[in-house]
PDB file of N, CA and C in Angstrom:
ATOM      1  N   MET A   1     112.306 143.406  74.175  1.00  0.00           N
ATOM      2  CA  MET A   1     112.839 143.382  75.528  1.00  0.00           C
ATOM      3  C   MET A   1     113.424 142.002  75.798  1.00  0.00           C
ATOM      4  N   GLU A   2     114.713 141.966  76.022  1.00  0.00           N
ATOM      5  CA  GLU A   2     115.381 140.693  76.285  1.00  0.00           C
ATOM      6  C   GLU A   2     115.362 140.382  77.775  1.00  0.00           C
ATOM      7  N   CYS A   3     115.461 139.116  78.085  1.00  0.00           N
ATOM      8  CA  CYS A   3     115.542 138.674  79.477  1.00  0.00           C
ATOM      9  C   CYS A   3     116.971 138.840  79.952  1.00  0.00           C
ATOM     10  N   ARG A   4     117.126 139.257  81.190  1.00  0.00           N
ATOM     11  CA  ARG A   4     118.461 139.346  81.760  1.00  0.00           C
ATOM     12  C   ARG A   4     119.011 137.943  81.951  1.00  0.00           C
ATOM     13  N   GLN A   5     120.310 137.809  81.925  1.00  0.00           N
ATOM     14  CA  GLN A   5     120.932 136.508  82.049  1.00  0.00           C
ATOM     15  C   GLN A   5     121.868 136.457  83.251  1.00  0.00           C
ATOM     16  N   ASP A   6     121.589 137.243  84.274  1.00  0.00           N
ATOM     17  CA  ASP A   6     122.485 137.345  85.417  1.00  0.00           C
ATOM     18  C   ASP A   6     121.974 136.522  86.593  1.00  0.00           C
ATOM     19  N   GLY A   7     121.606 135.264  86.356  1.00  0.00           N
ATOM     20  CA  GLY A   7     120.996 134.391  87.350  1.00  0.00           C
ATOM     21  C   GLY A   7     121.337 134.685  88.798  1.00  0.00           C
ATOM     22  N   VAL A   8     120.579 134.132  89.696  1.00  0.00           N
ATOM     23  CA  VAL A   8     120.799 134.300  91.117  1.00  0.00           C
ATOM     24  C   VAL A   8     121.293 132.983  91.689  1.00  0.00           C
ATOM     25  N   ALA A   9     121.851 133.037  92.876  1.00  0.00           N
ATOM     26  CA  ALA A   9     122.385 131.800  93.464  1.00  0.00           C
ATOM     27  C   ALA A   9     122.050 131.728  94.937  1.00  0.00           C
ATOM     28  N   GLY A  10     122.168 130.532  95.486  1.00  0.00           N
ATOM     29  CA  GLY A  10     122.040 130.311  96.917  1.00  0.00           C
ATOM     30  C   GLY A  10     120.718 130.754  97.499  1.00  0.00           C
ATOM     31  N   GLY A  11     120.817 131.442  98.645  1.00  0.00           N
ATOM     32  CA  GLY A  11     119.637 131.873  99.371  1.00  0.00           C
ATOM     33  C   GLY A  11     118.758 132.812  98.567  1.00  0.00           C
ATOM     34  N   ALA A  12     119.371 133.642  97.726  1.00  0.00           N
ATOM     35  CA  ALA A  12     118.598 134.565  96.904  1.00  0.00           C
ATOM     36  C   ALA A  12     117.713 133.793  95.928  1.00  0.00           C
ATOM     37  N   ALA A  13     118.234 132.699  95.386  1.00  0.00           N
ATOM     38  CA  ALA A  13     117.456 131.881  94.455  1.00  0.00           C
ATOM     39  C   ALA A  13     116.264 131.259  95.162  1.00  0.00           C
ATOM     40  N   ARG A  14     116.493 130.739  96.367  1.00  0.00           N
ATOM     41  CA  ARG A  14     115.391 130.141  97.124  1.00  0.00           C
ATOM     42  C   ARG A  14     114.338 131.180  97.465  1.00  0.00           C
ATOM     43  N   ALA A  15     114.779 132.370  97.826  1.00  0.00           N
ATOM     44  CA  ALA A  15     113.847 133.450  98.157  1.00  0.00           C
ATOM     45  C   ALA A  15     113.017 133.830  96.932  1.00  0.00           C
ATOM     46  N   GLU A  16     113.664 133.861  95.775  1.00  0.00           N
ATOM     47  CA  GLU A  16     112.962 134.192  94.538  1.00  0.00           C
ATOM     48  C   GLU A  16     111.907 133.129  94.208  1.00  0.00           C
ATOM     49  N   LEU A  17     112.270 131.852  94.382  1.00  0.00           N
ATOM     50  CA  LEU A  17     111.314 130.772  94.119  1.00  0.00           C
ATOM     51  C   LEU A  17     110.131 130.848  95.078  1.00  0.00           C
ATOM     52  N   GLU A  18     110.402 131.139  96.339  1.00  0.00           N
ATOM     53  CA  GLU A  18     109.318 131.268  97.319  1.00  0.00           C
ATOM     54  C   GLU A  18     108.403 132.433  96.968  1.00  0.00           C
ATOM     55  N   ALA A  19     108.985 133.526  96.510  1.00  0.00           N
ATOM     56  CA  ALA A  19     108.189 134.688  96.118  1.00  0.00           C
ATOM     57  C   ALA A  19     107.267 134.335  94.953  1.00  0.00           C
ATOM     58  N   ILE A  20     107.771 133.563  94.001  1.00  0.00           N
ATOM     59  CA  ILE A  20     106.954 133.144  92.857  1.00  0.00           C
ATOM     60  C   ILE A  20     105.827 132.240  93.325  1.00  0.00           C
ATOM     61  N   ARG A  21     106.150 131.283  94.191  1.00  0.00           N
ATOM     62  CA  ARG A  21     105.123 130.364  94.701  1.00  0.00           C
ATOM     63  C   ARG A  21     104.064 131.098  95.518  1.00  0.00           C
ATOM     64  N   ASN A  22     104.498 132.054  96.329  1.00  0.00           N
ATOM     65  CA  ASN A  22     103.584 132.748  97.225  1.00  0.00           C
ATOM     66  C   ASN A  22     102.693 133.767  96.528  1.00  0.00           C
ATOM     67  N   ASN A  23     103.132 134.263  95.379  1.00  0.00           N
ATOM     68  CA  ASN A  23     102.336 135.274  94.681  1.00  0.00           C
ATOM     69  C   ASN A  23     102.464 135.113  93.171  1.00  0.00           C
ATOM     70  N   PRO A  24     101.850 134.063  92.603  1.00  0.00           N
ATOM     71  CA  PRO A  24     101.990 133.818  91.157  1.00  0.00           C
ATOM     72  C   PRO A  24     101.342 134.900  90.289  1.00  0.00           C
ATOM     73  N   GLY A  25     100.553 135.754  90.884  1.00  0.00           N
ATOM     74  CA  GLY A  25      99.943 136.829  90.107  1.00  0.00           C
ATOM     75  C   GLY A  25     100.836 138.047  89.979  1.00  0.00           C
ATOM     76  N   ASP A  26     102.037 137.994  90.557  1.00  0.00           N
ATOM     77  CA  ASP A  26     102.927 139.156  90.551  1.00  0.00           C
ATOM     78  C   ASP A  26     104.366 138.718  90.275  1.00  0.00           C
ATOM     79  N   VAL A  27     104.587 138.010  89.172  1.00  0.00           N
ATOM     80  CA  VAL A  27     105.920 137.515  88.827  1.00  0.00           C
ATOM     81  C   VAL A  27     106.490 138.374  87.705  1.00  0.00           C
ATOM     82  N   ARG A  28     107.664 138.923  87.957  1.00  0.00           N
ATOM     83  CA  ARG A  28     108.309 139.759  86.944  1.00  0.00           C
ATOM     84  C   ARG A  28     108.762 138.905  85.760  1.00  0.00           C
ATOM     85  N   PHE A  29     108.625 139.472  84.582  1.00  0.00           N
ATOM     86  CA  PHE A  29     109.030 138.814  83.338  1.00  0.00           C
ATOM     87  C   PHE A  29     110.504 138.392  83.397  1.00  0.00           C
ATOM     88  N   ASP A  30     111.380 139.300  83.796  1.00  0.00           N
ATOM     89  CA  ASP A  30     112.809 138.990  83.867  1.00  0.00           C
ATOM     90  C   ASP A  30     113.094 137.866  84.861  1.00  0.00           C
ATOM     91  N   ASP A  31     112.387 137.857  85.978  1.00  0.00           N
ATOM     92  CA  ASP A  31     112.591 136.803  86.975  1.00  0.00           C
ATOM     93  C   ASP A  31     112.154 135.449  86.426  1.00  0.00           C
ATOM     94  N   ALA A  32     111.040 135.411  85.718  1.00  0.00           N
ATOM     95  CA  ALA A  32     110.568 134.156  85.120  1.00  0.00           C
ATOM     96  C   ALA A  32     111.601 133.622  84.131  1.00  0.00           C
ATOM     97  N   CYS A  33     112.178 134.500  83.332  1.00  0.00           N
ATOM     98  CA  CYS A  33     113.196 134.091  82.363  1.00  0.00           C
ATOM     99  C   CYS A  33     114.416 133.515  83.077  1.00  0.00           C
ATOM    100  N   LYS A  34     114.884 134.177  84.135  1.00  0.00           N
ATOM    101  CA  LYS A  34     116.055 133.708  84.880  1.00  0.00           C
ATOM    102  C   LYS A  34     115.804 132.332  85.481  1.00  0.00           C
ATOM    103  N   VAL A  35     114.635 132.166  86.087  1.00  0.00           N
ATOM    104  CA  VAL A  35     114.318 130.894  86.733  1.00  0.00           C
ATOM    105  C   VAL A  35     114.239 129.776  85.698  1.00  0.00           C
ATOM    106  N   ALA A  36     113.598 130.027  84.562  1.00  0.00           N
ATOM    107  CA  ALA A  36     113.506 129.016  83.509  1.00  0.00           C
ATOM    108  C   ALA A  36     114.898 128.580  83.068  1.00  0.00           C
ATOM    109  N   GLU A  37     115.793 129.533  82.894  1.00  0.00           N
ATOM    110  CA  GLU A  37     117.153 129.207  82.470  1.00  0.00           C
ATOM    111  C   GLU A  37     117.901 128.455  83.569  1.00  0.00           C
ATOM    112  N   ARG A  38     117.647 128.807  84.816  1.00  0.00           N
ATOM    113  CA  ARG A  38     118.338 128.141  85.915  1.00  0.00           C
ATOM    114  C   ARG A  38     117.959 126.667  86.029  1.00  0.00           C
ATOM    115  N   VAL A  39     116.725 126.306  85.645  1.00  0.00           N
ATOM    116  CA  VAL A  39     116.331 124.893  85.707  1.00  0.00           C
ATOM    117  C   VAL A  39     116.605 124.169  84.387  1.00  0.00           C
ATOM    118  N   GLY A  40     117.385 124.808  83.504  1.00  0.00           N
ATOM    119  CA  GLY A  40     117.866 124.127  82.311  1.00  0.00           C
ATOM    120  C   GLY A  40     117.141 124.425  81.011  1.00  0.00           C
ATOM    121  N   PHE A  41     116.213 125.347  81.020  1.00  0.00           N
ATOM    122  CA  PHE A  41     115.521 125.703  79.787  1.00  0.00           C
ATOM    123  C   PHE A  41     116.362 126.716  79.014  1.00  0.00           C
ATOM    124  N   VAL A  42     116.249 126.665  77.691  1.00  0.00           N
ATOM    125  CA  VAL A  42     117.012 127.538  76.809  1.00  0.00           C
ATOM    126  C   VAL A  42     116.042 128.402  76.024  1.00  0.00           C
ATOM    127  N   HIS A  43     116.369 129.687  75.919  1.00  0.00           N
ATOM    128  CA  HIS A  43     115.549 130.616  75.136  1.00  0.00           C
ATOM    129  C   HIS A  43     115.623 130.219  73.664  1.00  0.00           C
ATOM    130  N   LYS A  44     114.470 129.912  73.084  1.00  0.00           N
ATOM    131  CA  LYS A  44     114.434 129.444  71.693  1.00  0.00           C
ATOM    132  C   LYS A  44     113.753 130.421  70.754  1.00  0.00           C
ATOM    133  N   GLY A  45     113.394 131.572  71.244  1.00  0.00           N
ATOM    134  CA  GLY A  45     112.799 132.546  70.343  1.00  0.00           C
ATOM    135  C   GLY A  45     111.570 133.195  70.944  1.00  0.00           C
ATOM    136  N   GLY A  46     110.802 133.748  70.075  1.00  0.00           N
ATOM    137  CA  GLY A  46     109.620 134.478  70.479  1.00  0.00           C
ATOM    138  C   GLY A  46     109.529 135.745  69.650  1.00  0.00           C
ATOM    139  N   ARG A  47     108.332 136.277  69.563  1.00  0.00           N
ATOM    140  CA  ARG A  47     108.135 137.491  68.777  1.00  0.00           C
ATOM    141  C   ARG A  47     107.437 138.514  69.646  1.00  0.00           C
ATOM    142  N   GLY A  48     107.800 139.736  69.465  1.00  0.00           N
ATOM    143  CA  GLY A  48     107.165 140.801  70.225  1.00  0.00           C
ATOM    144  C   GLY A  48     107.418 140.638  71.705  1.00  0.00           C
ATOM    145  N   SER A  49     106.342 140.574  72.467  1.00  0.00           N
ATOM    146  CA  SER A  49     106.460 140.506  73.922  1.00  0.00           C
ATOM    147  C   SER A  49     106.582 139.078  74.445  1.00  0.00           C
ATOM    148  N   HIS A  50     106.660 138.091  73.555  1.00  0.00           N
ATOM    149  CA  HIS A  50     106.703 136.684  73.977  1.00  0.00           C
ATOM    150  C   HIS A  50     108.119 136.108  73.936  1.00  0.00           C
ATOM    151  N   ARG A  51     108.403 135.206  74.885  1.00  0.00           N
ATOM    152  CA  ARG A  51     109.659 134.462  74.900  1.00  0.00           C
ATOM    153  C   ARG A  51     109.329 132.998  75.098  1.00  0.00           C
ATOM    154  N   ALA A  52     109.938 132.141  74.293  1.00  0.00           N
ATOM    155  CA  ALA A  52     109.700 130.699  74.371  1.00  0.00           C
ATOM    156  C   ALA A  52     110.967 130.011  74.869  1.00  0.00           C
ATOM    157  N   TYR A  53     110.775 129.054  75.788  1.00  0.00           N
ATOM    158  CA  TYR A  53     111.879 128.301  76.373  1.00  0.00           C
ATOM    159  C   TYR A  53     111.602 126.811  76.219  1.00  0.00           C
ATOM    160  N   HIS A  54     112.659 126.064  75.914  1.00  0.00           N
ATOM    161  CA  HIS A  54     112.553 124.617  75.770  1.00  0.00           C
ATOM    162  C   HIS A  54     113.727 123.942  76.462  1.00  0.00           C
ATOM    163  N   LYS A  55     113.521 122.691  76.849  1.00  0.00           N
ATOM    164  CA  LYS A  55     114.577 121.898  77.492  1.00  0.00           C
ATOM    165  C   LYS A  55     114.615 120.537  76.813  1.00  0.00           C
ATOM    166  N   THR A  56     115.790 120.095  76.448  1.00  0.00           N
ATOM    167  CA  THR A  56     115.955 118.787  75.822  1.00  0.00           C
ATOM    168  C   THR A  56     115.372 117.705  76.730  1.00  0.00           C
ATOM    169  N   GLY A  57     114.531 116.869  76.166  1.00  0.00           N
ATOM    170  CA  GLY A  57     113.925 115.775  76.912  1.00  0.00           C
ATOM    171  C   GLY A  57     112.656 116.153  77.662  1.00  0.00           C
ATOM    172  N   GLU A  58     112.317 117.434  77.681  1.00  0.00           N
ATOM    173  CA  GLU A  58     111.106 117.891  78.368  1.00  0.00           C
ATOM    174  C   GLU A  58     110.037 118.201  77.317  1.00  0.00           C
ATOM    175  N   PRO A  59     108.911 117.462  77.358  1.00  0.00           N
ATOM    176  CA  PRO A  59     107.886 117.679  76.341  1.00  0.00           C
ATOM    177  C   PRO A  59     107.136 119.003  76.494  1.00  0.00           C
ATOM    178  N   ILE A  60     107.196 119.589  77.675  1.00  0.00           N
ATOM    179  CA  ILE A  60     106.469 120.840  77.917  1.00  0.00           C
ATOM    180  C   ILE A  60     107.428 122.010  77.809  1.00  0.00           C
ATOM    181  N   GLY A  61     107.086 122.974  76.989  1.00  0.00           N
ATOM    182  CA  GLY A  61     107.877 124.195  76.876  1.00  0.00           C
ATOM    183  C   GLY A  61     107.271 125.275  77.758  1.00  0.00           C
ATOM    184  N   LEU A  62     108.019 126.315  77.960  1.00  0.00           N
ATOM    185  CA  LEU A  62     107.529 127.465  78.716  1.00  0.00           C
ATOM    186  C   LEU A  62     107.455 128.658  77.788  1.00  0.00           C
ATOM    187  N   ASN A  63     106.371 129.377  77.871  1.00  0.00           N
ATOM    188  CA  ASN A  63     106.200 130.597  77.099  1.00  0.00           C
ATOM    189  C   ASN A  63     105.817 131.701  78.066  1.00  0.00           C
ATOM    190  N   PHE A  64     106.504 132.837  77.945  1.00  0.00           N
ATOM    191  CA  PHE A  64     106.208 133.970  78.801  1.00  0.00           C
ATOM    192  C   PHE A  64     105.825 135.164  77.955  1.00  0.00           C
ATOM    193  N   GLN A  65     104.813 135.855  78.393  1.00  0.00           N
ATOM    194  CA  GLN A  65     104.376 137.077  77.730  1.00  0.00           C
ATOM    195  C   GLN A  65     104.643 138.239  78.667  1.00  0.00           C
ATOM    196  N   ASN A  66     105.340 139.240  78.167  1.00  0.00           N
ATOM    197  CA  ASN A  66     105.651 140.416  78.961  1.00  0.00           C
ATOM    198  C   ASN A  66     104.459 141.369  78.915  1.00  0.00           C
ATOM    199  N   ARG A  67     103.740 141.416  80.025  1.00  0.00           N
ATOM    200  CA  ARG A  67     102.609 142.337  80.160  1.00  0.00           C
ATOM    201  C   ARG A  67     102.975 143.385  81.204  1.00  0.00           C
ATOM    202  N   ARG A  68     103.504 144.492  80.709  1.00  0.00           N
ATOM    203  CA  ARG A  68     103.928 145.578  81.597  1.00  0.00           C
ATOM    204  C   ARG A  68     104.930 145.105  82.647  1.00  0.00           C
ATOM    205  N   GLY A  69     105.859 144.272  82.218  1.00  0.00           N
ATOM    206  CA  GLY A  69     106.926 143.813  83.086  1.00  0.00           C
ATOM    207  C   GLY A  69     106.607 142.570  83.901  1.00  0.00           C
ATOM    208  N   LYS A  70     105.395 142.049  83.798  1.00  0.00           N
ATOM    209  CA  LYS A  70     104.972 140.857  84.548  1.00  0.00           C
ATOM    210  C   LYS A  70     104.518 139.785  83.557  1.00  0.00           C
ATOM    211  N   ILE A  71     104.398 138.539  84.060  1.00  0.00           N
ATOM    212  CA  ILE A  71     103.826 137.478  83.237  1.00  0.00           C
ATOM    213  C   ILE A  71     102.422 137.173  83.768  1.00  0.00           C
ATOM    214  N   PRO A  72     101.543 136.645  82.903  1.00  0.00           N
ATOM    215  CA  PRO A  72     100.199 136.267  83.367  1.00  0.00           C
ATOM    216  C   PRO A  72     100.270 135.158  84.421  1.00  0.00           C
ATOM    217  N   ARG A  73      99.291 135.141  85.293  1.00  0.00           N
ATOM    218  CA  ARG A  73      99.247 134.190  86.399  1.00  0.00           C
ATOM    219  C   ARG A  73      99.345 132.739  85.906  1.00  0.00           C
ATOM    220  N   TYR A  74      98.625 132.383  84.840  1.00  0.00           N
ATOM    221  CA  TYR A  74      98.647 130.993  84.385  1.00  0.00           C
ATOM    222  C   TYR A  74     100.053 130.586  83.933  1.00  0.00           C
ATOM    223  N   GLN A  75     100.820 131.518  83.384  1.00  0.00           N
ATOM    224  CA  GLN A  75     102.194 131.208  82.983  1.00  0.00           C
ATOM    225  C   GLN A  75     103.079 131.029  84.224  1.00  0.00           C
ATOM    226  N   ALA A  76     102.825 131.801  85.263  1.00  0.00           N
ATOM    227  CA  ALA A  76     103.560 131.633  86.519  1.00  0.00           C
ATOM    228  C   ALA A  76     103.248 130.273  87.127  1.00  0.00           C
ATOM    229  N   GLU A  77     102.004 129.845  87.052  1.00  0.00           N
ATOM    230  CA  GLU A  77     101.628 128.533  87.586  1.00  0.00           C
ATOM    231  C   GLU A  77     102.298 127.398  86.806  1.00  0.00           C
ATOM    232  N   GLN A  78     102.448 127.575  85.495  1.00  0.00           N
ATOM    233  CA  GLN A  78     103.179 126.587  84.694  1.00  0.00           C
ATOM    234  C   GLN A  78     104.654 126.555  85.102  1.00  0.00           C
ATOM    235  N   LEU A  79     105.225 127.726  85.348  1.00  0.00           N
ATOM    236  CA  LEU A  79     106.613 127.809  85.787  1.00  0.00           C
ATOM    237  C   LEU A  79     106.787 127.131  87.143  1.00  0.00           C
ATOM    238  N   ILE A  80     105.867 127.336  88.052  1.00  0.00           N
ATOM    239  CA  ILE A  80     105.928 126.707  89.371  1.00  0.00           C
ATOM    240  C   ILE A  80     105.918 125.184  89.232  1.00  0.00           C
ATOM    241  N   ALA A  81     105.079 124.661  88.348  1.00  0.00           N
ATOM    242  CA  ALA A  81     105.022 123.213  88.131  1.00  0.00           C
ATOM    243  C   ALA A  81     106.369 122.691  87.631  1.00  0.00           C
ATOM    244  N   ILE A  82     107.016 123.427  86.746  1.00  0.00           N
ATOM    245  CA  ILE A  82     108.329 123.027  86.227  1.00  0.00           C
ATOM    246  C   ILE A  82     109.380 123.120  87.333  1.00  0.00           C
ATOM    247  N   ILE A  83     109.342 124.169  88.127  1.00  0.00           N
ATOM    248  CA  ILE A  83     110.277 124.313  89.247  1.00  0.00           C
ATOM    249  C   ILE A  83     110.138 123.106  90.176  1.00  0.00           C
ATOM    250  N   ASP A  84     108.907 122.770  90.506  1.00  0.00           N
ATOM    251  CA  ASP A  84     108.663 121.631  91.397  1.00  0.00           C
ATOM    252  C   ASP A  84     109.200 120.325  90.809  1.00  0.00           C
ATOM    253  N   LYS A  85     109.060 120.191  89.495  1.00  0.00           N
ATOM    254  CA  LYS A  85     109.520 118.972  88.823  1.00  0.00           C
ATOM    255  C   LYS A  85     111.045 118.846  88.870  1.00  0.00           C
ATOM    256  N   TYR A  86     111.754 119.945  88.650  1.00  0.00           N
ATOM    257  CA  TYR A  86     113.201 119.890  88.520  1.00  0.00           C
ATOM    258  C   TYR A  86     113.973 120.266  89.781  1.00  0.00           C
ATOM    259  N   GLU A  87     113.366 121.008  90.681  1.00  0.00           N
ATOM    260  CA  GLU A  87     114.092 121.428  91.883  1.00  0.00           C
ATOM    261  C   GLU A  87     113.394 120.958  93.156  1.00  0.00           C
ATOM    262  N   GLY A  88     112.320 120.236  93.010  1.00  0.00           N
ATOM    263  CA  GLY A  88     111.614 119.765  94.193  1.00  0.00           C
ATOM    264  C   GLY A  88     110.588 120.777  94.670  1.00  0.00           C
ATOM    265  N   GLY A  89     109.466 120.275  95.117  1.00  0.00           N
ATOM    266  CA  GLY A  89     108.387 121.139  95.593  1.00  0.00           C
ATOM    267  C   GLY A  89     108.666 121.716  96.955  1.00  0.00           C
ATOM    268  N   PRO A  90     107.704 122.491  97.452  1.00  0.00           N
ATOM    269  CA  PRO A  90     107.876 123.149  98.754  1.00  0.00           C
ATOM    270  C   PRO A  90     108.023 122.162  99.881  1.00  0.00           C
TER     271      PRO A  90
END
């Protein structure tokens, strides 16, 4: 299952980020992939249900596991930390 690459923009992007922050236990796999790419991470591979993302100059990578269309809460929390780092916190 590949991640969609049809990023969001403007108000929709902000709404998506707020939704992730407000409910990290219910983040869609495709949405996590889009957000990671929007903050400059590049899909570098993965096997099976996993996708790995890396960003030049960033020592921390992002890994997402597709569990019935969602990512685990701890992976959403890692994504939130990266969002805050690159796009500013709430």
